[in-house]
Amino acid sequence: MKPHIVADGNLRLRQDKKFQTRLQELSNSIRARHVAELAKAGFFRRLVLRWRIATEVRKEQRKLKPSHQSLYISRIAPRV
């Protein structure tokens, strides 16, 4: 696969509808796994769970996004 150097590649990727849809699906699937636990939890436990969910979402999203040090993006957006 040939690398494609794009001047505003990161901005274009963030604005891509398919990529945004994929990120949203990822976020929804992670939240869906914790629905039952959130329903049973008290106030402070919910705060901890929300923090853990947000951390997990960020971790998984980082896997999909190109590195901040990359000079190019080569069709990095996952196919839906």
C-alpha atoms as a PDB file:
ATOM      1  CA  MET A   1       0.000   0.000   0.000  1.00  0.00           C
ATOM      2  CA  LYS A   2       1.449   3.358  -1.002  1.00  0.00           C
ATOM      3  CA  PRO A   3       1.480   6.068   1.652  1.00  0.00           C
ATOM      4  CA  HIS A   4      -0.635   9.097   0.862  1.00  0.00           C
ATOM      5  CA  ILE A   5       0.745  12.331   2.258  1.00  0.00           C
ATOM      6  CA  VAL A   6      -2.135  14.619   3.133  1.00  0.00           C
ATOM      7  CA  ALA A   7      -1.639  18.153   4.417  1.00  0.00           C
ATOM      8  CA  ASP A   8      -4.642  18.098   6.747  1.00  0.00           C
ATOM      9  CA  GLY A   9      -5.012  14.338   7.139  1.00  0.00           C
ATOM     10  CA  ASN A  10      -5.850  14.344  10.846  1.00  0.00           C
ATOM     11  CA  LEU A  11      -8.594  16.945  10.391  1.00  0.00           C
ATOM     12  CA  ARG A  12     -10.033  15.082   7.417  1.00  0.00           C
ATOM     13  CA  LEU A  13     -10.044  11.830   9.348  1.00  0.00           C
ATOM     14  CA  ARG A  14     -11.842  13.415  12.310  1.00  0.00           C
ATOM     15  CA  GLN A  15     -14.493  14.805   9.944  1.00  0.00           C
ATOM     16  CA  ASP A  16     -15.000  11.544   8.054  1.00  0.00           C
ATOM     17  CA  LYS A  17     -18.545  10.235   8.627  1.00  0.00           C
ATOM     18  CA  LYS A  18     -17.560   6.554   8.471  1.00  0.00           C
ATOM     19  CA  PHE A  19     -14.782   7.061  10.980  1.00  0.00           C
ATOM     20  CA  GLN A  20     -17.083   8.999  13.330  1.00  0.00           C
ATOM     21  CA  THR A  21     -19.677   6.239  13.025  1.00  0.00           C
ATOM     22  CA  ARG A  22     -17.058   3.623  13.890  1.00  0.00           C
ATOM     23  CA  LEU A  23     -15.933   5.597  16.957  1.00  0.00           C
ATOM     24  CA  GLN A  24     -19.546   5.990  18.104  1.00  0.00           C
ATOM     25  CA  GLU A  25     -20.248   2.268  17.655  1.00  0.00           C
ATOM     26  CA  LEU A  26     -17.143   1.465  19.669  1.00  0.00           C
ATOM     27  CA  SER A  27     -18.219   3.800  22.454  1.00  0.00           C
ATOM     28  CA  ASN A  28     -21.774   2.397  22.477  1.00  0.00           C
ATOM     29  CA  SER A  29     -20.568  -1.208  22.638  1.00  0.00           C
ATOM     30  CA  ILE A  30     -18.317  -0.479  25.611  1.00  0.00           C
ATOM     31  CA  ARG A  31     -21.106   1.345  27.442  1.00  0.00           C
ATOM     32  CA  ALA A  32     -23.569  -1.472  26.674  1.00  0.00           C
ATOM     33  CA  ARG A  33     -21.288  -3.954  28.432  1.00  0.00           C
ATOM     34  CA  HIS A  34     -21.531  -1.964  31.659  1.00  0.00           C
ATOM     35  CA  VAL A  35     -25.254  -1.110  31.696  1.00  0.00           C
ATOM     36  CA  ALA A  36     -26.248  -3.763  34.231  1.00  0.00           C
ATOM     37  CA  GLU A  37     -23.423  -2.856  36.583  1.00  0.00           C
ATOM     38  CA  LEU A  38     -24.271   0.846  36.347  1.00  0.00           C
ATOM     39  CA  ALA A  39     -27.922   0.147  37.137  1.00  0.00           C
ATOM     40  CA  LYS A  40     -27.020  -1.588  40.424  1.00  0.00           C
ATOM     41  CA  ALA A  41     -24.306   0.854  41.505  1.00  0.00           C
ATOM     42  CA  GLY A  42     -24.647   3.632  43.990  1.00  0.00           C
ATOM     43  CA  PHE A  43     -23.573   7.225  43.373  1.00  0.00           C
ATOM     44  CA  PHE A  44     -19.841   6.888  44.036  1.00  0.00           C
ATOM     45  CA  ARG A  45     -19.594   3.500  42.348  1.00  0.00           C
ATOM     46  CA  ARG A  46     -21.242   5.017  39.235  1.00  0.00           C
ATOM     47  CA  LEU A  47     -18.635   7.767  39.214  1.00  0.00           C
ATOM     48  CA  VAL A  48     -15.851   5.174  39.318  1.00  0.00           C
ATOM     49  CA  LEU A  49     -17.532   3.083  36.618  1.00  0.00           C
ATOM     50  CA  ARG A  50     -18.010   6.102  34.343  1.00  0.00           C
ATOM     51  CA  TRP A  51     -14.341   6.969  34.780  1.00  0.00           C
ATOM     52  CA  ARG A  52     -13.325   3.397  33.891  1.00  0.00           C
ATOM     53  CA  ILE A  53     -15.662   3.368  30.868  1.00  0.00           C
ATOM     54  CA  ALA A  54     -14.226   6.666  29.625  1.00  0.00           C
ATOM     55  CA  THR A  55     -10.704   5.302  30.061  1.00  0.00           C
ATOM     56  CA  GLU A  56     -11.577   2.145  28.142  1.00  0.00           C
ATOM     57  CA  VAL A  57     -13.217   4.154  25.341  1.00  0.00           C
ATOM     58  CA  ARG A  58     -10.148   6.387  24.987  1.00  0.00           C
ATOM     59  CA  LYS A  59      -7.840   3.359  24.978  1.00  0.00           C
ATOM     60  CA  GLU A  60      -9.804   1.628  22.211  1.00  0.00           C
ATOM     61  CA  GLN A  61     -10.140   4.836  20.176  1.00  0.00           C
ATOM     62  CA  ARG A  62      -6.362   5.334  20.301  1.00  0.00           C
ATOM     63  CA  LYS A  63      -5.983   1.973  18.565  1.00  0.00           C
ATOM     64  CA  LEU A  64      -8.066   3.223  15.633  1.00  0.00           C
ATOM     65  CA  LYS A  65      -6.499   6.646  15.275  1.00  0.00           C
ATOM     66  CA  PRO A  66      -3.136   7.220  13.607  1.00  0.00           C
ATOM     67  CA  SER A  67      -0.143   8.066  15.756  1.00  0.00           C
ATOM     68  CA  HIS A  68       0.382  11.716  16.628  1.00  0.00           C
ATOM     69  CA  GLN A  69       3.903  11.312  15.302  1.00  0.00           C
ATOM     70  CA  SER A  70       2.893   9.904  11.925  1.00  0.00           C
ATOM     71  CA  LEU A  71       3.731  11.938   8.857  1.00  0.00           C
ATOM     72  CA  TYR A  72       1.011  10.413   6.742  1.00  0.00           C
ATOM     73  CA  ILE A  73      -2.227   8.531   6.984  1.00  0.00           C
ATOM     74  CA  SER A  74      -2.540   5.515   4.753  1.00  0.00           C
ATOM     75  CA  ARG A  75      -6.220   4.561   4.608  1.00  0.00           C
ATOM     76  CA  ILE A  76      -6.239   4.145   8.356  1.00  0.00           C
ATOM     77  CA  ALA A  77      -9.977   4.516   8.884  1.00  0.00           C
ATOM     78  CA  PRO A  78     -11.541   1.121   9.598  1.00  0.00           C
ATOM     79  CA  ARG A  79     -14.076  -0.228   7.168  1.00  0.00           C
ATOM     80  CA  VAL A  80     -17.575  -0.496   8.514  1.00  0.00           C
END
